Amino acid sequence: MSMIETEVRDRYGRRYRVGPRDRDVLGYSRAWVLAAGWFAMLAVSANQYGYGVLAPRLAQSHGWALTPMLWGLALWGACHSLTTGALLWLRPRMRIAPGPATAVGAALCASGLLALGHIGIPVLALTGYGVLSGIGTGLVYRTCLATVTGWYPDRPVRVAAVSGAFAYGSIPLVLVGATVSDLPVAVDKVAFGMLVAVLASAAVTRRRTGGRRTSIRVGGPWTGPSSTAAGATTAR
């Protein structure tokens, strides 16, 4: 069945597609994409905030000094920032699908954590963590935010909730670290749990290709979603 779309523009230059509902495009509610983005951000954030939880145990277990551990975190931040910026530029030009991008990011994040737990040479372990986890986290972070924003241009609070989930990542590491005495085993559990969670999220994460019906007055101020409509979807 063909889907008819109409593109309209508001006074601020933003474009909207008025056409098929989310269930027509996805086969399920856009709420699944929101939940998947939130869950993936929650899981993958262990790579940043969880690093602070692991740092004392890593230093004690491997006999590492504080300085190389700080350099590892700095390398992670640089790779994360470069990846999010590059993906922002490449995504509309190369039409990178969110599902595969999220899955690749999950594999890189897990590999980076495993490098921390199993490689005893500081340069190799921290470089593996900084590069692999930094790129992987950047892929998941940017993909989740861009995808959820595309489906919820009319619900900025929900997009903010997905972004906020990135701050909860230290919680599972605190729980695992408090109950598992063997550091490699603790890292393995966290890496495996994160990989499964993000891959499950990637399975339902799809880019918006159509919009949902709304009330928009073309040529005047944007009226926003009507009380009986679910809101339009911003065209990229």
C-alpha atoms as a PDB file:
ATOM      1  CA  MET A   1       0.000   0.000   0.000  1.00  0.00           C
ATOM      2  CA  SER A   2       1.436   3.369  -1.021  1.00  0.00           C
ATOM      3  CA  MET A   3       1.816   6.136   1.560  1.00  0.00           C
ATOM      4  CA  ILE A   4       1.025   9.716   0.560  1.00  0.00           C
ATOM      5  CA  GLU A   5       3.044  12.436   2.285  1.00  0.00           C
ATOM      6  CA  THR A   6       2.810  16.217   2.210  1.00  0.00           C
ATOM      7  CA  GLU A   7       5.686  18.380   3.353  1.00  0.00           C
ATOM      8  CA  VAL A   8       4.902  21.715   4.990  1.00  0.00           C
ATOM      9  CA  ARG A   9       7.141  24.400   6.464  1.00  0.00           C
ATOM     10  CA  ASP A  10       6.499  26.655   9.460  1.00  0.00           C
ATOM     11  CA  ARG A  11       7.509  30.286   9.883  1.00  0.00           C
ATOM     12  CA  TYR A  12      10.853  29.261  11.408  1.00  0.00           C
ATOM     13  CA  GLY A  13      11.861  27.269   8.347  1.00  0.00           C
ATOM     14  CA  ARG A  14      11.340  23.862   9.952  1.00  0.00           C
ATOM     15  CA  ARG A  15       9.958  21.200   7.654  1.00  0.00           C
ATOM     16  CA  TYR A  16       7.304  18.644   8.586  1.00  0.00           C
ATOM     17  CA  ARG A  17       5.939  15.626   6.813  1.00  0.00           C
ATOM     18  CA  VAL A  18       2.239  15.056   7.228  1.00  0.00           C
ATOM     19  CA  GLY A  19       1.358  11.533   6.228  1.00  0.00           C
ATOM     20  CA  PRO A  20       1.457   7.990   7.558  1.00  0.00           C
ATOM     21  CA  ARG A  21       1.317   7.164  11.251  1.00  0.00           C
ATOM     22  CA  ASP A  22       4.224   5.639  13.115  1.00  0.00           C
ATOM     23  CA  ARG A  23       2.578   2.220  13.127  1.00  0.00           C
ATOM     24  CA  ASP A  24       2.267   2.397   9.338  1.00  0.00           C
ATOM     25  CA  VAL A  25       5.998   3.066   9.008  1.00  0.00           C
ATOM     26  CA  LEU A  26       7.432   0.938  11.808  1.00  0.00           C
ATOM     27  CA  GLY A  27       4.798  -1.697  12.411  1.00  0.00           C
ATOM     28  CA  TYR A  28       4.758  -0.653  16.076  1.00  0.00           C
ATOM     29  CA  SER A  29       4.455   2.503  18.165  1.00  0.00           C
ATOM     30  CA  ARG A  30       7.203   5.112  18.143  1.00  0.00           C
ATOM     31  CA  ALA A  31       7.256   4.643  21.931  1.00  0.00           C
ATOM     32  CA  TRP A  32       9.334   1.518  21.292  1.00  0.00           C
ATOM     33  CA  VAL A  33      11.997   3.652  19.612  1.00  0.00           C
ATOM     34  CA  LEU A  34      11.935   6.018  22.588  1.00  0.00           C
ATOM     35  CA  ALA A  35      12.319   3.144  25.066  1.00  0.00           C
ATOM     36  CA  ALA A  36      15.094   1.559  22.994  1.00  0.00           C
ATOM     37  CA  GLY A  37      17.022   4.831  22.835  1.00  0.00           C
ATOM     38  CA  TRP A  38      16.672   5.344  26.585  1.00  0.00           C
ATOM     39  CA  PHE A  39      17.776   1.777  27.347  1.00  0.00           C
ATOM     40  CA  ALA A  40      20.777   1.944  25.008  1.00  0.00           C
ATOM     41  CA  MET A  41      21.935   5.267  26.458  1.00  0.00           C
ATOM     42  CA  LEU A  42      21.585   3.891  29.980  1.00  0.00           C
ATOM     43  CA  ALA A  43      23.687   0.841  29.120  1.00  0.00           C
ATOM     44  CA  VAL A  44      26.416   2.503  27.072  1.00  0.00           C
ATOM     45  CA  SER A  45      27.040   5.280  29.589  1.00  0.00           C
ATOM     46  CA  ALA A  46      28.947   2.768  31.706  1.00  0.00           C
ATOM     47  CA  ASN A  47      31.893   3.524  29.433  1.00  0.00           C
ATOM     48  CA  GLN A  48      32.233   7.066  30.760  1.00  0.00           C
ATOM     49  CA  TYR A  49      30.795   7.412  34.241  1.00  0.00           C
ATOM     50  CA  GLY A  50      31.543   3.804  35.103  1.00  0.00           C
ATOM     51  CA  TYR A  51      35.210   4.397  34.352  1.00  0.00           C
ATOM     52  CA  GLY A  52      35.467   6.476  37.513  1.00  0.00           C
ATOM     53  CA  VAL A  53      34.063   3.548  39.481  1.00  0.00           C
ATOM     54  CA  LEU A  54      36.563   1.123  37.960  1.00  0.00           C
ATOM     55  CA  ALA A  55      39.593   3.431  38.179  1.00  0.00           C
ATOM     56  CA  PRO A  56      40.563   2.737  41.831  1.00  0.00           C
ATOM     57  CA  ARG A  57      40.250  -1.011  41.346  1.00  0.00           C
ATOM     58  CA  LEU A  58      42.193  -0.909  38.101  1.00  0.00           C
ATOM     59  CA  ALA A  59      45.002   1.032  39.741  1.00  0.00           C
ATOM     60  CA  GLN A  60      45.118  -1.401  42.642  1.00  0.00           C
ATOM     61  CA  SER A  61      44.841  -4.540  40.519  1.00  0.00           C
ATOM     62  CA  HIS A  62      47.372  -3.607  37.820  1.00  0.00           C
ATOM     63  CA  GLY A  63      49.585  -1.271  39.813  1.00  0.00           C
ATOM     64  CA  TRP A  64      48.911   1.644  37.476  1.00  0.00           C
ATOM     65  CA  ALA A  65      49.582   5.276  38.328  1.00  0.00           C
ATOM     66  CA  LEU A  66      46.903   7.939  38.203  1.00  0.00           C
ATOM     67  CA  THR A  67      48.379   9.898  35.275  1.00  0.00           C
ATOM     68  CA  PRO A  68      48.012   7.216  32.557  1.00  0.00           C
ATOM     69  CA  MET A  69      44.467   6.548  33.724  1.00  0.00           C
ATOM     70  CA  LEU A  70      43.610  10.210  33.242  1.00  0.00           C
ATOM     71  CA  TRP A  71      45.130  10.095  29.769  1.00  0.00           C
ATOM     72  CA  GLY A  72      42.927   7.101  28.982  1.00  0.00           C
ATOM     73  CA  LEU A  73      39.837   9.093  29.951  1.00  0.00           C
ATOM     74  CA  ALA A  74      41.057  12.086  27.915  1.00  0.00           C
ATOM     75  CA  LEU A  75      41.523   9.846  24.866  1.00  0.00           C
ATOM     76  CA  TRP A  76      38.019   8.469  25.368  1.00  0.00           C
ATOM     77  CA  GLY A  77      36.589  11.996  25.457  1.00  0.00           C
ATOM     78  CA  ALA A  78      38.422  13.013  22.290  1.00  0.00           C
ATOM     79  CA  CYS A  79      37.274   9.933  20.343  1.00  0.00           C
ATOM     80  CA  HIS A  80      33.722  10.326  21.620  1.00  0.00           C
ATOM     81  CA  SER A  81      33.547  13.986  20.564  1.00  0.00           C
ATOM     82  CA  LEU A  82      35.085  13.369  17.145  1.00  0.00           C
ATOM     83  CA  THR A  83      32.711  10.485  16.454  1.00  0.00           C
ATOM     84  CA  THR A  84      29.562  12.379  17.424  1.00  0.00           C
ATOM     85  CA  GLY A  85      30.621  15.331  15.287  1.00  0.00           C
ATOM     86  CA  ALA A  86      31.567  13.166  12.316  1.00  0.00           C
ATOM     87  CA  LEU A  87      28.340  11.172  12.526  1.00  0.00           C
ATOM     88  CA  LEU A  88      26.304  14.361  12.626  1.00  0.00           C
ATOM     89  CA  TRP A  89      27.879  15.349   9.313  1.00  0.00           C
ATOM     90  CA  LEU A  90      27.963  11.887   7.691  1.00  0.00           C
ATOM     91  CA  ARG A  91      24.538  10.601   8.726  1.00  0.00           C
ATOM     92  CA  PRO A  92      22.390  12.617   6.279  1.00  0.00           C
ATOM     93  CA  ARG A  93      24.933  12.281   3.474  1.00  0.00           C
ATOM     94  CA  MET A  94      25.597   8.558   3.677  1.00  0.00           C
ATOM     95  CA  ARG A  95      22.167   7.608   5.033  1.00  0.00           C
ATOM     96  CA  ILE A  96      23.659   5.555   7.847  1.00  0.00           C
ATOM     97  CA  ALA A  97      20.954   3.318   9.295  1.00  0.00           C
ATOM     98  CA  PRO A  98      20.554   3.697  13.079  1.00  0.00           C
ATOM     99  CA  GLY A  99      20.228  -0.029  13.813  1.00  0.00           C
ATOM    100  CA  PRO A 100      23.600  -1.115  12.361  1.00  0.00           C
ATOM    101  CA  ALA A 101      25.331   2.008  13.712  1.00  0.00           C
ATOM    102  CA  THR A 102      24.069   1.231  17.216  1.00  0.00           C
ATOM    103  CA  ALA A 103      25.100  -2.424  16.931  1.00  0.00           C
ATOM    104  CA  VAL A 104      28.628  -1.512  15.807  1.00  0.00           C
ATOM    105  CA  GLY A 105      28.862   0.977  18.672  1.00  0.00           C
ATOM    106  CA  ALA A 106      27.821  -1.708  21.158  1.00  0.00           C
ATOM    107  CA  ALA A 107      30.540  -4.092  19.958  1.00  0.00           C
ATOM    108  CA  LEU A 108      33.203  -1.364  20.181  1.00  0.00           C
ATOM    109  CA  CYS A 109      32.106  -0.341  23.675  1.00  0.00           C
ATOM    110  CA  ALA A 110      32.229  -3.909  24.954  1.00  0.00           C
ATOM    111  CA  SER A 111      35.671  -4.415  23.391  1.00  0.00           C
ATOM    112  CA  GLY A 112      36.969  -1.298  25.118  1.00  0.00           C
ATOM    113  CA  LEU A 113      35.770  -2.459  28.522  1.00  0.00           C
ATOM    114  CA  LEU A 114      37.281  -5.905  27.997  1.00  0.00           C
ATOM    115  CA  ALA A 115      40.610  -4.274  27.168  1.00  0.00           C
ATOM    116  CA  LEU A 116      40.547  -2.551  30.545  1.00  0.00           C
ATOM    117  CA  GLY A 117      39.841  -5.721  32.456  1.00  0.00           C
ATOM    118  CA  HIS A 118      42.165  -8.169  30.681  1.00  0.00           C
ATOM    119  CA  ILE A 119      45.202  -6.264  29.337  1.00  0.00           C
ATOM    120  CA  GLY A 120      47.827  -5.565  31.958  1.00  0.00           C
ATOM    121  CA  ILE A 121      49.952  -3.175  29.883  1.00  0.00           C
ATOM    122  CA  PRO A 122      48.698   0.373  30.648  1.00  0.00           C
ATOM    123  CA  VAL A 123      49.370   1.825  27.179  1.00  0.00           C
ATOM    124  CA  LEU A 124      47.528  -0.961  25.354  1.00  0.00           C
ATOM    125  CA  ALA A 125      44.659  -1.243  27.830  1.00  0.00           C
ATOM    126  CA  LEU A 126      43.970   2.484  28.081  1.00  0.00           C
ATOM    127  CA  THR A 127      44.417   3.062  24.350  1.00  0.00           C
ATOM    128  CA  GLY A 128      42.039   0.200  23.605  1.00  0.00           C
ATOM    129  CA  TYR A 129      39.523   1.641  26.053  1.00  0.00           C
ATOM    130  CA  GLY A 130      39.896   5.226  24.872  1.00  0.00           C
ATOM    131  CA  VAL A 131      39.689   4.525  21.144  1.00  0.00           C
ATOM    132  CA  LEU A 132      37.244   1.613  21.018  1.00  0.00           C
ATOM    133  CA  SER A 133      34.890   2.744  23.751  1.00  0.00           C
ATOM    134  CA  GLY A 134      35.149   6.387  22.723  1.00  0.00           C
ATOM    135  CA  ILE A 135      34.128   5.680  19.132  1.00  0.00           C
ATOM    136  CA  GLY A 136      31.500   3.151  20.180  1.00  0.00           C
ATOM    137  CA  THR A 137      29.910   5.460  22.730  1.00  0.00           C
ATOM    138  CA  GLY A 138      29.870   8.291  20.206  1.00  0.00           C
ATOM    139  CA  LEU A 139      28.070   6.100  17.672  1.00  0.00           C
ATOM    140  CA  VAL A 140      25.388   5.017  20.135  1.00  0.00           C
ATOM    141  CA  TYR A 141      24.988   8.451  21.732  1.00  0.00           C
ATOM    142  CA  ARG A 142      24.536  10.409  18.510  1.00  0.00           C
ATOM    143  CA  THR A 143      22.421   7.732  16.818  1.00  0.00           C
ATOM    144  CA  CYS A 144      19.998   7.398  19.724  1.00  0.00           C
ATOM    145  CA  LEU A 145      19.521  11.134  20.157  1.00  0.00           C
ATOM    146  CA  ALA A 146      19.111  11.790  16.428  1.00  0.00           C
ATOM    147  CA  THR A 147      16.639   8.929  15.986  1.00  0.00           C
ATOM    148  CA  VAL A 148      14.490   9.796  18.991  1.00  0.00           C
ATOM    149  CA  THR A 149      14.511  13.485  18.035  1.00  0.00           C
ATOM    150  CA  GLY A 150      13.299  12.542  14.557  1.00  0.00           C
ATOM    151  CA  TRP A 151      10.351  10.627  15.990  1.00  0.00           C
ATOM    152  CA  TYR A 152       9.564  13.145  18.758  1.00  0.00           C
ATOM    153  CA  PRO A 153      10.142  16.678  17.440  1.00  0.00           C
ATOM    154  CA  ASP A 154       7.001  17.678  19.336  1.00  0.00           C
ATOM    155  CA  ARG A 155       8.100  16.153  22.675  1.00  0.00           C
ATOM    156  CA  PRO A 156      11.444  17.719  23.727  1.00  0.00           C
ATOM    157  CA  VAL A 157      11.024  16.476  27.297  1.00  0.00           C
ATOM    158  CA  ARG A 158      11.114  12.885  26.098  1.00  0.00           C
ATOM    159  CA  VAL A 159      14.239  13.560  24.084  1.00  0.00           C
ATOM    160  CA  ALA A 160      15.789  15.099  27.205  1.00  0.00           C
ATOM    161  CA  ALA A 161      14.902  11.950  29.159  1.00  0.00           C
ATOM    162  CA  VAL A 162      16.878   9.872  26.666  1.00  0.00           C
ATOM    163  CA  SER A 163      19.838  12.226  26.965  1.00  0.00           C
ATOM    164  CA  GLY A 164      19.599  12.100  30.764  1.00  0.00           C
ATOM    165  CA  ALA A 165      19.801   8.315  30.757  1.00  0.00           C
ATOM    166  CA  PHE A 166      23.456   8.685  29.818  1.00  0.00           C
ATOM    167  CA  ALA A 167      24.160   9.839  33.383  1.00  0.00           C
ATOM    168  CA  TYR A 168      22.984   6.630  35.042  1.00  0.00           C
ATOM    169  CA  GLY A 169      25.726   4.366  33.734  1.00  0.00           C
ATOM    170  CA  SER A 170      27.752   4.157  36.909  1.00  0.00           C
ATOM    171  CA  ILE A 171      24.893   2.461  38.773  1.00  0.00           C
ATOM    172  CA  PRO A 172      25.316  -1.069  37.325  1.00  0.00           C
ATOM    173  CA  LEU A 173      29.083  -0.825  37.714  1.00  0.00           C
ATOM    174  CA  VAL A 174      28.717   0.194  41.371  1.00  0.00           C
ATOM    175  CA  LEU A 175      26.423  -2.773  42.008  1.00  0.00           C
ATOM    176  CA  VAL A 176      28.620  -5.245  40.150  1.00  0.00           C
ATOM    177  CA  GLY A 177      31.796  -3.849  41.643  1.00  0.00           C
ATOM    178  CA  ALA A 178      30.400  -4.175  45.143  1.00  0.00           C
ATOM    179  CA  THR A 179      29.391  -7.804  44.718  1.00  0.00           C
ATOM    180  CA  VAL A 180      32.134  -9.214  42.458  1.00  0.00           C
ATOM    181  CA  SER A 181      35.646  -9.271  43.907  1.00  0.00           C
ATOM    182  CA  ASP A 182      37.427 -10.466  40.755  1.00  0.00           C
ATOM    183  CA  LEU A 183      37.977  -7.408  38.514  1.00  0.00           C
ATOM    184  CA  PRO A 184      38.106  -9.251  35.132  1.00  0.00           C
ATOM    185  CA  VAL A 185      34.889 -11.092  36.012  1.00  0.00           C
ATOM    186  CA  ALA A 186      33.215  -7.831  37.016  1.00  0.00           C
ATOM    187  CA  VAL A 187      34.246  -6.159  33.749  1.00  0.00           C
ATOM    188  CA  ASP A 188      33.086  -9.194  31.752  1.00  0.00           C
ATOM    189  CA  LYS A 189      29.643  -9.045  33.371  1.00  0.00           C
ATOM    190  CA  VAL A 190      29.263  -5.340  32.689  1.00  0.00           C
ATOM    191  CA  ALA A 191      30.518  -5.625  29.093  1.00  0.00           C
ATOM    192  CA  PHE A 192      28.228  -8.569  28.326  1.00  0.00           C
ATOM    193  CA  GLY A 193      25.188  -6.930  29.897  1.00  0.00           C
ATOM    194  CA  MET A 194      25.823  -3.691  28.019  1.00  0.00           C
ATOM    195  CA  LEU A 195      26.318  -5.537  24.710  1.00  0.00           C
ATOM    196  CA  VAL A 196      23.054  -7.462  25.051  1.00  0.00           C
ATOM    197  CA  ALA A 197      21.094  -4.361  26.105  1.00  0.00           C
ATOM    198  CA  VAL A 198      22.332  -2.172  23.255  1.00  0.00           C
ATOM    199  CA  LEU A 199      21.947  -4.901  20.615  1.00  0.00           C
ATOM    200  CA  ALA A 200      18.353  -5.450  21.760  1.00  0.00           C
ATOM    201  CA  SER A 201      17.735  -1.724  21.442  1.00  0.00           C
ATOM    202  CA  ALA A 202      19.304  -1.652  17.983  1.00  0.00           C
ATOM    203  CA  ALA A 203      16.812  -4.272  16.794  1.00  0.00           C
ATOM    204  CA  VAL A 204      13.873  -1.841  17.131  1.00  0.00           C
ATOM    205  CA  THR A 205      15.685   1.430  16.365  1.00  0.00           C
ATOM    206  CA  ARG A 206      14.763   2.731  12.941  1.00  0.00           C
ATOM    207  CA  ARG A 207      15.020   6.139  11.341  1.00  0.00           C
ATOM    208  CA  ARG A 208      11.818   8.009  10.717  1.00  0.00           C
ATOM    209  CA  THR A 209      10.841   7.948   7.061  1.00  0.00           C
ATOM    210  CA  GLY A 210       7.381   9.407   7.377  1.00  0.00           C
ATOM    211  CA  GLY A 211       5.433  11.714   9.625  1.00  0.00           C
ATOM    212  CA  ARG A 212       2.342  11.716  11.796  1.00  0.00           C
ATOM    213  CA  ARG A 213      -0.694  13.910  11.312  1.00  0.00           C
ATOM    214  CA  THR A 214      -0.904  17.218  13.107  1.00  0.00           C
ATOM    215  CA  SER A 215      -2.502  20.641  12.841  1.00  0.00           C
ATOM    216  CA  ILE A 216      -0.109  23.147  11.280  1.00  0.00           C
ATOM    217  CA  ARG A 217      -1.106  26.530   9.917  1.00  0.00           C
ATOM    218  CA  VAL A 218       1.072  27.075   6.868  1.00  0.00           C
ATOM    219  CA  GLY A 219       2.320  30.658   6.520  1.00  0.00           C
ATOM    220  CA  GLY A 220       1.648  31.623  10.123  1.00  0.00           C
ATOM    221  CA  PRO A 221       3.005  30.762  13.553  1.00  0.00           C
ATOM    222  CA  TRP A 222       3.395  27.078  14.273  1.00  0.00           C
ATOM    223  CA  THR A 223       0.400  25.960  16.287  1.00  0.00           C
ATOM    224  CA  GLY A 224       2.075  22.818  17.572  1.00  0.00           C
ATOM    225  CA  PRO A 225       0.387  19.444  17.887  1.00  0.00           C
ATOM    226  CA  SER A 226      -3.361  19.574  18.315  1.00  0.00           C
ATOM    227  CA  SER A 227      -5.066  17.884  21.238  1.00  0.00           C
ATOM    228  CA  THR A 228      -6.279  15.119  18.950  1.00  0.00           C
ATOM    229  CA  ALA A 229      -3.130  14.619  16.943  1.00  0.00           C
ATOM    230  CA  ALA A 230       0.222  13.110  17.812  1.00  0.00           C
ATOM    231  CA  GLY A 231       2.482  15.677  16.180  1.00  0.00           C
ATOM    232  CA  ALA A 232       4.453  15.963  13.024  1.00  0.00           C
ATOM    233  CA  THR A 233       7.891  14.554  12.463  1.00  0.00           C
ATOM    234  CA  THR A 234      10.696  16.894  11.513  1.00  0.00           C
ATOM    235  CA  ALA A 235      12.222  16.141   8.120  1.00  0.00           C
ATOM    236  CA  ARG A 236      15.996  15.860   7.967  1.00  0.00           C
END
